[in-house]
Protein backbone atom coordinates (compact mmCIF):
# COMPACT_ATOMS: atom_id res chain seq x y z
CA MET A 1 -117.08 58.44 -79.98
CA GLN A 2 -116.72 58.26 -83.72
CA VAL A 3 -113.46 59.55 -85.23
CA ILE A 4 -114.24 61.26 -88.55
CA ALA A 5 -111.06 63.24 -89.33
CA ILE A 6 -107.37 63.31 -88.49
CA ASN A 7 -105.31 66.49 -88.81
CA ALA A 8 -108.19 68.34 -90.54
CA LYS A 9 -108.61 65.63 -93.20
CA LEU A 10 -111.79 63.55 -93.40
CA LEU A 11 -111.20 59.83 -93.06
CA ARG A 12 -112.11 58.73 -96.58
CA ASP A 13 -110.33 56.58 -99.13
CA GLN A 14 -109.63 57.68 -102.71
CA SER A 15 -113.07 56.47 -103.80
CA GLY A 16 -114.75 58.63 -101.15
CA ASN A 17 -115.76 55.74 -98.87
CA ASN A 18 -115.97 56.53 -95.17
CA LEU A 19 -113.15 55.18 -93.02
CA TYR A 20 -114.66 56.48 -89.77
CA TYR A 21 -114.19 54.34 -86.70
CA ASN A 22 -115.56 54.10 -83.17
CA THR A 23 -113.33 54.14 -80.10
CA ASN A 24 -113.44 54.99 -76.41
CA SER A 25 -109.97 56.56 -76.18
CA ILE A 26 -107.55 58.51 -78.33
CA THR A 27 -103.87 59.37 -78.08
CA LEU A 28 -102.52 62.51 -79.73
CA ALA A 29 -98.94 63.55 -80.32
CA GLY A 30 -97.86 67.20 -80.32
CA GLY A 31 -99.44 69.11 -83.20
CA GLU A 32 -102.01 66.43 -84.06
CA SER A 33 -105.76 66.95 -84.10
CA LEU A 34 -108.82 64.71 -84.35
CA ASP A 35 -112.44 65.47 -85.17
CA VAL A 36 -114.81 63.19 -83.29
CA ILE A 37 -118.55 62.88 -82.74
CA LEU A 38 -119.59 62.23 -79.14
CA ASP A 39 -123.08 61.07 -78.18
CA ALA A 40 -124.38 63.56 -75.61
CA GLY A 41 -127.79 61.89 -75.38
CA GLY A 42 -127.39 61.22 -71.66
CA THR A 43 -127.69 63.58 -68.71
CA LYS A 44 -125.24 65.74 -66.79
CA SER A 45 -124.17 64.89 -63.25
CA ASP A 46 -126.91 67.21 -61.91
CA GLY A 47 -129.61 65.29 -63.85
CA ARG A 48 -130.22 67.98 -66.50
CA SER A 49 -130.03 67.21 -70.21
CA TYR A 50 -127.39 68.65 -72.48
CA THR A 51 -128.72 71.61 -74.48
CA SER A 52 -128.03 72.30 -78.15
CA GLY A 53 -125.56 75.16 -78.55
CA GLU A 54 -123.67 74.52 -75.30
CA VAL A 55 -119.87 74.53 -75.58
CA TYR A 56 -117.54 72.81 -73.13
CA TYR A 57 -113.78 73.27 -72.91
CA LEU A 58 -111.45 70.48 -71.82
CA TYR A 59 -107.91 71.44 -70.92
CA THR A 60 -105.19 70.70 -68.45
CA PRO A 61 -104.73 73.03 -65.46
CA ASN A 62 -101.07 71.95 -65.19
CA LEU A 63 -99.72 74.00 -68.08
CA ASP A 64 -96.35 74.30 -66.33
CA HIS A 65 -95.91 70.53 -66.78
CA LEU A 66 -96.48 70.79 -70.52
CA SER A 67 -93.80 73.35 -71.40
CA ASN A 68 -90.78 72.69 -73.60
CA ASP A 69 -87.91 73.24 -71.14
CA ALA A 70 -87.57 76.99 -70.57
CA GLU A 71 -90.06 77.99 -73.30
CA ASN A 72 -93.55 79.33 -72.70
CA PHE A 73 -96.38 77.14 -71.48
CA GLY A 74 -97.83 74.56 -73.83
CA GLY A 75 -100.82 72.30 -73.62
CA LEU A 76 -103.97 71.13 -75.32
CA MET A 77 -107.45 72.61 -75.26
CA THR A 78 -110.46 70.80 -76.68
CA GLU A 79 -113.84 72.32 -77.51
CA VAL A 80 -116.96 70.18 -77.26
CA HIS A 81 -120.00 71.62 -79.08
CA ILE A 82 -123.45 70.17 -78.28
CA CYS A 83 -125.55 69.88 -81.45
CA ARG A 84 -129.21 69.11 -81.95
CA ALA A 85 -128.31 66.72 -84.77
CA VAL A 86 -125.41 65.71 -87.01
CA ASP A 87 -125.92 65.26 -90.74
CA PRO A 88 -124.86 61.65 -91.43
CA THR A 89 -123.47 62.54 -94.86
CA THR A 90 -121.50 65.72 -94.20
CA LYS A 91 -121.07 65.30 -90.41
CA ALA A 92 -122.11 68.96 -90.06
CA CYS A 93 -123.53 70.03 -86.71
CA SER A 94 -126.95 71.70 -86.58
CA ILE A 95 -127.44 73.82 -83.47
């Protein structure tokens, strides 16, 4: 995956140069967010291709393990949007 933004801020220096980087894992602290581009060019476990416009949600089913002591449940949910293409300049998704 290619990391393109951290905490809703594009990874660019003051001159506007891209500081994007590729990685195969990420670690987030509470309240942090990352914008990444994943290559979904492969196939699903059932052999079908990914289709533009599909949305997948990744989350933990153990919300009771993510609470802050006696407070309400916490946790992280991630949305994965499948795009037909990504504009290399703006990183915008075309569905």
